[in-house]
Protein backbone atom coordinates (compact mmCIF):
# COMPACT_ATOMS: atom_id res chain seq x y z
CA UNK A 1 86.78 122.79 191.94
CA UNK A 2 84.54 125.13 189.64
CA UNK A 3 87.83 125.45 187.36
CA UNK A 4 89.05 121.74 187.16
CA UNK A 5 84.82 121.19 186.30
CA UNK A 6 85.06 124.21 183.64
CA UNK A 7 88.52 123.04 182.16
CA UNK A 8 86.59 119.87 181.03
CA UNK A 9 83.92 121.15 179.22
CA UNK A 10 83.82 121.40 175.59
CA UNK A 11 83.53 125.31 175.16
CA UNK A 12 86.73 125.17 176.88
CA UNK A 13 88.66 121.96 175.57
CA UNK A 14 88.05 123.20 172.24
CA UNK A 15 90.34 125.87 172.74
CA UNK A 16 93.04 123.25 172.98
CA UNK A 17 93.17 123.85 169.29
CA UNK A 18 93.24 127.64 169.08
CA UNK A 19 96.71 129.28 169.35
CA UNK A 20 97.29 131.95 171.63
CA UNK A 21 98.41 133.97 168.21
CA UNK A 22 96.15 135.21 165.72
CA UNK A 23 97.96 133.35 162.99
CA UNK A 24 98.99 129.77 164.01
CA UNK A 25 102.50 128.97 164.96
CA UNK A 26 102.04 125.63 161.90
CA UNK A 27 102.03 128.69 159.35
CA UNK A 28 104.70 130.94 161.31
CA UNK A 29 106.71 129.35 163.06
CA UNK A 30 108.41 132.38 165.00
CA UNK A 31 105.32 132.78 167.13
CA UNK A 32 104.00 131.87 170.51
CA UNK A 33 103.85 128.24 171.61
CA UNK A 34 100.58 128.51 173.58
CA UNK A 35 97.53 127.98 172.65
CA UNK A 36 94.13 129.79 174.08
CA UNK A 37 92.88 126.36 176.84
CA UNK A 38 96.26 126.99 178.65
CA UNK A 39 95.86 130.75 178.47
CA UNK A 40 92.73 130.70 179.82
CA UNK A 41 92.94 127.94 182.72
CA UNK A 42 96.11 130.51 183.64
CA UNK A 43 93.69 133.21 183.84
CA UNK A 44 91.03 131.60 186.00
CA UNK A 45 93.94 130.54 188.83
CA UNK A 46 94.86 133.87 188.38
CA UNK A 47 90.85 134.61 189.11
CA UNK A 48 91.70 132.79 192.73
CA UNK A 49 94.34 134.82 193.88
CA UNK A 50 92.03 138.27 194.10
CA UNK A 51 90.89 138.97 197.50
CA UNK A 52 88.05 139.89 198.96
CA UNK A 53 84.62 139.50 197.85
CA UNK A 54 81.44 137.49 198.77
CA UNK A 55 81.57 133.54 197.38
CA UNK A 56 79.44 134.04 194.97
CA UNK A 57 81.49 136.68 193.16
CA UNK A 58 84.29 134.87 193.70
CA UNK A 59 82.81 132.68 191.32
CA UNK A 60 81.18 134.66 189.06
CA UNK A 61 84.89 135.85 188.47
CA UNK A 62 86.00 132.51 187.88
CA UNK A 63 83.95 131.22 185.57
CA UNK A 64 84.34 134.72 183.90
CA UNK A 65 87.87 134.62 183.99
CA UNK A 66 87.63 130.11 182.62
CA UNK A 67 85.52 131.44 180.00
CA UNK A 68 87.06 134.46 178.38
CA UNK A 69 88.26 133.08 175.48
CA UNK A 70 85.34 130.65 174.43
CA UNK A 71 84.08 132.88 172.05
CA UNK A 72 87.30 133.41 169.69
CA UNK A 73 86.54 131.96 166.78
CA UNK A 74 89.35 129.74 164.56
CA UNK A 75 92.03 132.58 163.83
CA UNK A 76 91.16 134.79 167.12
CA UNK A 77 90.72 138.28 165.71
CA UNK A 78 91.10 137.45 162.73
CA UNK A 79 87.87 136.22 162.42
CA UNK A 80 86.35 138.83 165.27
CA UNK A 81 84.94 141.19 162.12
CA UNK A 82 83.80 138.72 160.34
CA UNK A 83 81.71 137.56 163.56
CA UNK A 84 80.74 140.97 164.40
CA UNK A 85 79.44 141.23 160.21
CA UNK A 86 77.75 137.86 160.53
CA UNK A 87 76.39 137.63 163.97
CA UNK A 88 76.40 140.95 165.19
CA UNK A 89 79.19 140.68 167.82
CA UNK A 90 82.64 139.85 168.54
CA UNK A 91 84.26 137.15 170.74
CA UNK A 92 83.33 139.02 174.29
CA UNK A 93 79.71 138.91 173.19
CA UNK A 94 79.84 134.87 171.69
CA UNK A 95 80.29 133.13 174.95
CA UNK A 96 76.47 132.45 175.35
CA UNK A 97 76.81 131.31 171.41
CA UNK A 98 79.29 129.08 172.26
CA UNK A 99 77.59 127.24 174.61
CA UNK A 100 74.61 127.25 172.59
CA UNK A 101 77.10 125.47 170.06
CA UNK A 102 78.03 123.01 171.95
CA UNK A 103 77.38 119.43 171.74
CA UNK A 104 77.42 118.71 175.54
CA UNK A 105 75.27 120.39 178.04
CA UNK A 106 78.39 122.77 179.58
CA UNK A 107 76.18 125.28 181.06
CA UNK A 108 74.32 122.69 183.86
CA UNK A 109 77.94 122.85 184.94
CA UNK A 110 77.57 126.72 185.71
CA UNK A 111 74.19 125.83 187.24
CA UNK A 112 75.27 123.29 189.72
CA UNK A 113 76.92 126.02 190.93
CA UNK A 114 74.35 128.15 191.40
CA UNK A 115 75.88 131.10 188.34
CA UNK A 116 73.55 131.78 185.03
CA UNK A 117 75.34 131.61 182.14
CA UNK A 118 73.80 135.27 180.87
CA UNK A 119 75.76 136.33 183.52
CA UNK A 120 78.86 135.25 183.30
CA UNK A 121 78.32 136.10 179.57
CA UNK A 122 77.78 139.47 180.18
CA UNK A 123 80.95 139.93 182.34
CA UNK A 124 82.90 138.91 179.52
CA UNK A 125 81.41 140.96 177.37
CA UNK A 126 81.96 144.47 179.56
CA UNK A 127 78.33 144.88 181.35
CA UNK A 128 78.29 144.22 185.00
CA UNK A 129 80.87 145.52 187.97
CA UNK A 130 83.14 142.14 187.81
CA UNK A 131 84.06 143.40 184.41
CA UNK A 132 87.39 144.93 184.70
CA UNK A 133 89.35 142.14 186.14
CA UNK A 134 88.26 139.99 182.70
CA UNK A 135 87.86 142.87 180.21
CA UNK A 136 89.32 146.19 181.09
CA UNK A 137 92.77 147.21 180.36
CA UNK A 138 95.79 145.97 182.31
CA UNK A 139 93.31 142.95 183.52
CA UNK A 140 93.92 139.20 184.27
CA UNK A 141 93.99 138.47 180.45
CA UNK A 142 96.42 140.94 179.09
CA UNK A 143 98.22 139.95 182.21
CA UNK A 144 98.68 136.58 181.09
CA UNK A 145 98.42 137.26 177.51
CA UNK A 146 101.20 139.24 177.32
CA UNK A 147 103.39 137.77 179.97
CA UNK A 148 103.03 134.43 178.15
CA UNK A 149 103.29 135.27 174.61
CA UNK A 150 106.77 136.67 175.58
CA UNK A 151 108.11 133.52 177.45
CA UNK A 152 106.78 131.04 174.87
CA UNK A 153 108.18 132.67 171.94
CA UNK A 154 110.94 130.34 170.31
CA UNK A 155 114.16 131.11 171.51
CA UNK A 156 112.92 134.40 173.90
CA UNK A 157 113.41 137.07 171.19
CA UNK A 158 111.94 139.55 173.60
CA UNK A 159 113.73 137.98 176.86
CA UNK A 160 111.92 137.60 179.74
CA UNK A 161 109.23 139.22 180.81
CA UNK A 162 109.11 142.19 183.74
CA UNK A 163 106.64 140.99 186.00
CA UNK A 164 104.90 138.08 186.76
CA UNK A 165 101.00 137.86 186.56
CA UNK A 166 100.43 136.99 190.10
CA UNK A 167 102.00 140.31 190.97
CA UNK A 168 99.12 142.07 189.13
CA UNK A 169 96.17 139.48 190.64
CA UNK A 170 97.67 139.74 193.72
CA UNK A 171 97.49 143.41 193.58
CA UNK A 172 93.67 142.96 193.02
CA UNK A 173 90.56 143.57 195.17
CA UNK A 174 86.91 142.69 194.66
CA UNK A 175 85.78 145.60 197.23
CA UNK A 176 88.12 148.15 195.68
CA UNK A 177 86.27 150.82 193.89
CA UNK A 178 88.95 150.35 191.07
CA UNK A 179 90.99 147.60 188.97
CA UNK A 180 94.19 149.50 189.67
CA UNK A 181 97.78 148.73 189.71
CA UNK A 182 101.28 150.08 191.39
CA UNK A 183 102.36 152.91 188.43
CA UNK A 184 105.94 150.16 188.63
CA UNK A 185 103.71 147.07 187.83
CA UNK A 186 101.70 149.29 185.61
CA UNK A 187 104.91 150.78 183.22
CA UNK A 188 106.66 146.76 183.27
CA UNK A 189 103.36 145.52 182.16
CA UNK A 190 102.63 148.48 179.86
CA UNK A 191 106.51 148.33 177.86
CA UNK A 192 105.84 144.49 177.99
CA UNK A 193 102.84 145.01 175.62
CA UNK A 194 104.65 147.23 173.67
CA UNK A 195 107.20 144.90 172.90
CA UNK A 196 105.33 142.12 171.63
CA UNK A 197 102.64 144.29 169.39
CA UNK A 198 105.91 145.79 167.63
CA UNK A 199 107.35 141.99 167.52
CA UNK A 200 103.90 140.08 165.90
CA UNK A 201 103.49 143.41 163.58
CA UNK A 202 106.93 143.47 162.78
CA UNK A 203 107.09 139.28 162.20
CA UNK A 204 106.37 139.84 158.15
CA UNK A 205 105.32 136.57 157.74
CA UNK A 206 103.31 137.14 160.24
CA UNK A 207 101.32 139.95 158.70
CA UNK A 208 101.74 138.11 155.17
CA UNK A 209 99.13 135.49 156.78
CA UNK A 210 96.79 137.69 158.83
CA UNK A 211 96.24 139.27 155.65
CA UNK A 212 96.08 136.39 153.77
CA UNK A 213 93.63 134.46 156.51
CA UNK A 214 91.68 137.43 156.58
CA UNK A 215 90.87 138.43 153.03
CA UNK A 216 90.65 134.53 152.56
CA UNK A 217 87.05 134.53 155.01
CA UNK A 218 86.18 137.74 152.94
CA UNK A 219 85.64 136.24 149.73
CA UNK A 220 84.37 132.95 151.57
CA UNK A 221 81.43 135.07 153.76
CA UNK A 222 78.76 134.57 151.50
CA UNK A 223 79.39 130.51 151.77
CA UNK A 224 80.34 130.47 155.71
CA UNK A 225 77.69 129.20 158.56
CA UNK A 226 77.43 130.56 161.77
CA UNK A 227 78.77 126.78 162.79
CA UNK A 228 82.28 128.64 161.04
CA UNK A 229 83.36 130.81 164.19
CA UNK A 230 82.95 127.43 166.50
CA UNK A 231 85.70 125.19 163.97
CA UNK A 232 89.20 125.15 165.11
CA UNK A 233 92.28 126.23 163.65
CA UNK A 234 93.02 123.33 161.31
CA UNK A 235 89.32 123.11 160.62
CA UNK A 236 89.23 126.30 159.30
CA UNK A 237 92.06 126.19 157.47
CA UNK A 238 90.91 122.67 156.24
CA UNK A 239 87.75 124.42 154.84
CA UNK A 240 90.28 127.32 153.27
CA UNK A 241 91.89 124.81 151.25
CA UNK A 242 89.04 122.97 150.19
CA UNK A 243 87.66 126.36 148.73
CA UNK A 244 90.51 127.79 147.86
CA UNK A 245 93.22 125.42 147.40
CA UNK A 246 95.82 128.01 145.59
CA UNK A 247 95.70 130.20 148.23
CA UNK A 248 95.91 127.84 151.71
CA UNK A 249 98.70 125.97 149.79
CA UNK A 250 100.47 129.34 149.16
CA UNK A 251 100.17 130.40 152.57
CA UNK A 252 101.85 126.89 153.64
CA UNK A 253 104.54 127.03 150.59
CA UNK A 254 105.24 130.57 151.80
CA UNK A 255 104.55 132.09 148.39
CA UNK A 256 103.13 134.81 149.08
CA UNK A 257 105.17 138.30 150.08
CA UNK A 258 104.85 141.19 151.47
CA UNK A 259 104.76 143.97 149.10
CA UNK A 260 103.54 147.19 150.36
CA UNK A 261 103.92 148.70 154.50
CA UNK A 262 103.11 151.99 154.67
CA UNK A 263 101.83 154.13 157.81
CA UNK A 264 98.22 155.15 157.75
CA UNK A 265 98.98 158.76 158.81
CA UNK A 266 100.27 158.72 155.43
CA UNK A 267 96.88 158.60 154.38
CA UNK A 268 94.03 161.46 154.32
CA UNK A 269 90.36 161.90 153.38
CA UNK A 270 88.21 159.31 152.28
CA UNK A 271 91.23 157.42 152.48
CA UNK A 272 91.30 156.38 155.92
CA UNK A 273 87.63 154.51 154.87
CA UNK A 274 89.77 151.46 154.04
CA UNK A 275 89.68 150.76 157.71
CA UNK A 276 85.98 149.50 156.86
CA UNK A 277 85.99 145.65 155.83
CA UNK A 278 83.28 146.61 153.07
CA UNK A 279 85.50 149.14 151.52
CA UNK A 280 89.07 146.77 152.17
CA UNK A 281 86.73 144.02 149.70
CA UNK A 282 86.06 146.30 147.53
CA UNK A 283 89.70 147.86 147.42
CA UNK A 284 91.40 144.13 147.20
CA UNK A 285 88.71 143.06 144.26
CA UNK A 286 89.74 146.47 142.39
CA UNK A 287 93.76 145.30 142.58
CA UNK A 288 92.64 141.85 141.60
CA UNK A 289 90.40 143.00 138.50
CA UNK A 290 92.77 145.97 137.32
CA UNK A 291 96.37 143.50 137.18
CA UNK A 292 94.91 140.02 135.86
CA UNK A 293 95.55 138.55 139.22
CA UNK A 294 93.21 135.88 140.33
CA UNK A 295 91.08 137.21 143.46
CA UNK A 296 92.75 134.25 146.12
CA UNK A 297 96.81 136.48 144.77
CA UNK A 298 96.05 139.90 146.43
CA UNK A 299 95.22 141.43 150.14
CA UNK A 300 95.30 144.15 152.39
CA UNK A 301 95.35 144.75 156.13
CA UNK A 302 94.61 147.93 157.74
CA UNK A 303 95.31 147.80 161.27
CA UNK A 304 96.98 149.23 164.28
CA UNK A 305 99.86 147.38 165.95
CA UNK A 306 99.33 149.08 168.52
CA UNK A 307 95.70 149.07 170.07
CA UNK A 308 94.16 152.46 171.88
CA UNK A 309 96.91 154.66 170.00
CA UNK A 310 96.10 157.21 167.60
CA UNK A 311 94.93 156.72 163.92
CA UNK A 312 98.67 157.96 162.85
CA UNK A 313 99.73 154.74 163.84
CA UNK A 314 97.79 152.60 162.50
CA UNK A 315 99.38 150.47 158.75
CA UNK A 316 99.07 149.37 154.93
CA UNK A 317 100.03 146.46 154.29
CA UNK A 318 99.97 144.40 151.13
CA UNK A 319 100.40 141.13 150.53
CA UNK A 320 100.76 139.33 146.72
CA UNK A 321 101.05 135.97 145.48
CA UNK A 322 105.15 135.56 144.98
CA UNK A 323 105.43 139.02 145.30
CA UNK A 324 104.26 140.44 141.59
CA UNK A 325 104.35 144.22 142.06
CA UNK A 326 101.56 144.78 139.22
CA UNK A 327 99.05 145.63 142.33
CA UNK A 328 101.63 147.80 144.32
CA UNK A 329 101.76 150.05 141.92
CA UNK A 330 98.15 150.14 140.99
CA UNK A 331 97.76 150.65 145.09
CA UNK A 332 99.74 153.90 145.31
CA UNK A 333 97.76 155.45 142.52
CA UNK A 334 94.62 154.77 144.77
CA UNK A 335 96.12 156.22 147.71
CA UNK A 336 96.92 159.17 145.40
CA UNK A 337 93.66 159.86 145.34
CA UNK A 338 92.12 159.58 148.07
CA UNK A 339 88.26 160.08 146.58
CA UNK A 340 87.71 156.05 145.09
CA UNK A 341 87.91 155.16 149.20
CA UNK A 342 84.37 157.32 149.46
CA UNK A 343 81.93 154.17 150.45
CA UNK A 344 79.31 154.52 147.31
CA UNK A 345 76.23 152.10 147.23
């Protein structure tokens, strides 16, 4: 009953228009066809399969499971960095923010089941004992996320998943000291996760869109309000098209090209500060200014394809409109002198 009621709230219904992939499929048709709504409802259903616990604990867990993604801004993960800069938290900490910005009184549903919004939000954020079930490593969220992404890729280039999320949920107990699964099930999930991340970060069009959407948000940062983070993917892209039409139209027409993809471990010293958003913006602006290109035409991404791995696995992606080579030559010169990445005032 709680799951069905929450599924009808504005905060959850909005997720129908947020893709499971950070880059929407209408920009890259090679990505998952699933939405964050489908994923969230599935995670909620998985919570019902966990054994033991009091009725209140089980209700809390189901609420946290269904609501774990409601704090996502448009283009999940891409907008997280900006959310943290503007609001002081990322999407795991934005559950209360989402409810506060709902046009309907969604929190009353939680109250009718004897649940407090703050308590549910803290579970999603990673604070109480129930958090590892939705904010851990192999948790209900990640169990469905990896499986659903693989299963909904057009043409299934990664094949079928090697496990089912229900297997993982059925192995969890609210009375166990730790959230754990068998070694065999853990390895199946870990291998599938690796395949998904390698696919996503190896998809050139995905990285082009990821990079330029991030660049657009950095350019527009001063003009955005907190309400931006409650937009849908299409609403946010519409705003980008209004403010940066060349960038938005260039993405739709696939006019941007990936001109540099290098391993982060090749950088040394201060060059590693490229992962800092302020430094990243400075370098992007420098590349455009020095080559005479418009600010919307060039973007950088510095990230790691596999989470929780050594920084040596991080990569630097440079994207330029029409594949112009000048920014690549300049960036390669900059990288050869890492001291330029010191974050000066």
